[in-house]
Amino acid sequence: MGGLTLATASASKLQLKPLADRVVVKKLDAEEKTAGGIVLPDSAKEKPQQGEILAVGPGRTDDKGSRVAMEVKVGDKVLFAKYTGTEVKIEGVEYLILAERDILAVVG
């Protein structure tokens, strides 16, 4: 699978290509209000655990040297563990790079 051309923050193009079994995820926004309608300040919001996959690595290599295909693909909405992955900020946009094994489920 190919890399991600990040041109969302500006006209310049930045290549971000995940390696092995890693994916690049754009986190979906945390809830702004509680179920009762109370608006939450940024400091009280839960860390997002859902996002959309923007780029997928080629997959990991098994013990025999064969490539193991990724189970997720670009465009999948996924759930992931709360404190997993590496957060990166590129041109003002936040992304999460995580291993496929840290993805808990595909949504939808």
Protein backbone atom coordinates (compact mmCIF):
# COMPACT_ATOMS: atom_id res chain seq x y z
CA MET A 1 0.00 0.00 0.00
CA GLY A 2 1.25 3.49 -0.67
CA GLY A 3 2.33 6.33 1.52
CA LEU A 4 0.25 9.30 2.49
CA THR A 5 0.67 12.67 0.84
CA LEU A 6 -0.15 15.18 3.52
CA ALA A 7 -1.37 18.28 1.74
CA THR A 8 -4.24 19.09 4.07
CA ALA A 9 -2.43 21.70 6.17
CA SER A 10 -0.77 23.61 3.32
CA ALA A 11 0.02 23.46 -0.35
CA SER A 12 3.38 21.79 0.27
CA LYS A 13 3.46 18.00 0.05
CA LEU A 14 5.00 15.89 2.76
CA GLN A 15 5.38 12.15 2.30
CA LEU A 16 4.57 9.94 5.29
CA LYS A 17 4.90 6.24 4.52
CA PRO A 18 4.39 3.80 7.41
CA LEU A 19 6.80 0.86 7.59
CA ALA A 20 6.08 -2.84 8.24
CA ASP A 21 2.77 -3.34 10.09
CA ARG A 22 2.25 0.31 11.02
CA VAL A 23 -0.64 2.59 10.05
CA VAL A 24 -1.19 6.35 10.09
CA VAL A 25 -4.47 7.35 11.73
CA LYS A 26 -6.26 10.70 11.90
CA LYS A 27 -7.94 10.74 15.28
CA LEU A 28 -11.64 11.59 15.32
CA ASP A 29 -12.66 14.40 17.65
CA ALA A 30 -13.56 13.66 21.26
CA GLU A 31 -17.10 14.27 22.45
CA GLU A 32 -17.83 17.96 23.07
CA LYS A 33 -20.83 17.30 25.34
CA THR A 34 -21.86 14.72 27.91
CA ALA A 35 -25.02 12.63 27.47
CA GLY A 36 -26.75 15.18 29.73
CA GLY A 37 -25.77 18.07 27.45
CA ILE A 38 -22.93 19.56 29.54
CA VAL A 39 -20.21 21.11 27.36
CA LEU A 40 -16.80 19.71 28.26
CA PRO A 41 -13.64 21.85 28.37
CA ASP A 42 -10.60 20.48 26.50
CA SER A 43 -8.98 19.43 29.78
CA ALA A 44 -11.93 17.15 30.65
CA LYS A 45 -12.35 15.44 27.29
CA GLU A 46 -11.51 11.77 26.97
CA LYS A 47 -8.54 10.97 24.79
CA PRO A 48 -9.93 9.89 21.38
CA GLN A 49 -9.85 6.15 20.78
CA GLN A 50 -11.31 6.18 17.29
CA GLY A 51 -9.85 7.31 14.01
CA GLU A 52 -9.65 6.86 10.26
CA ILE A 53 -6.73 5.10 8.60
CA LEU A 54 -4.95 7.39 6.14
CA ALA A 55 -1.96 5.21 5.21
CA VAL A 56 -1.01 1.54 5.65
CA GLY A 57 2.42 -0.11 5.67
CA PRO A 58 3.19 -3.19 3.55
CA GLY A 59 2.73 -5.61 6.47
CA ARG A 60 5.07 -7.43 8.82
CA THR A 61 7.49 -10.19 7.88
CA ASP A 62 6.96 -13.62 9.48
CA ASP A 63 9.67 -16.01 10.74
CA LYS A 64 10.10 -17.49 7.25
CA GLY A 65 10.63 -14.09 5.62
CA SER A 66 7.19 -13.98 3.98
CA ARG A 67 5.17 -10.77 4.04
CA VAL A 68 1.95 -10.98 6.10
CA ALA A 69 -0.75 -8.80 4.51
CA MET A 70 -2.44 -6.11 6.58
CA GLU A 71 -6.04 -6.72 7.67
CA VAL A 72 -6.94 -3.02 7.62
CA LYS A 73 -7.00 -0.62 4.68
CA VAL A 74 -7.03 3.09 3.96
CA GLY A 75 -10.42 4.58 4.84
CA ASP A 76 -11.24 2.09 7.62
CA LYS A 77 -12.58 3.64 10.82
CA VAL A 78 -10.91 1.88 13.73
CA LEU A 79 -10.89 1.68 17.52
CA PHE A 80 -7.54 1.56 19.29
CA ALA A 81 -6.25 1.41 22.85
CA LYS A 82 -6.27 4.73 24.72
CA TYR A 83 -2.52 5.18 25.27
CA THR A 84 -1.07 3.38 22.27
CA GLY A 85 0.92 4.57 19.29
CA THR A 86 3.06 7.61 18.67
CA GLU A 87 1.44 11.01 18.22
CA VAL A 88 3.00 13.26 15.60
CA LYS A 89 2.08 16.78 14.52
CA ILE A 90 2.84 17.69 10.93
CA GLU A 91 2.10 21.19 9.68
CA GLY A 92 -0.37 21.72 12.53
CA VAL A 93 -2.30 18.47 11.97
CA GLU A 94 -2.11 15.67 14.55
CA TYR A 95 -1.71 12.05 13.47
CA LEU A 96 -1.18 8.78 15.29
CA ILE A 97 1.22 6.11 14.06
CA LEU A 98 0.47 2.70 15.51
CA ALA A 99 1.08 -0.97 14.88
CA GLU A 100 -1.76 -3.05 13.44
CA ARG A 101 -1.78 -5.21 16.60
CA ASP A 102 -2.81 -2.10 18.60
CA ILE A 103 -6.04 -1.76 16.58
CA LEU A 104 -8.89 -3.28 18.56
CA ALA A 105 -11.62 -3.30 15.90
CA VAL A 106 -12.83 -1.88 12.60
CA VAL A 107 -16.04 0.16 12.99
CA GLY A 108 -18.86 -0.23 10.48
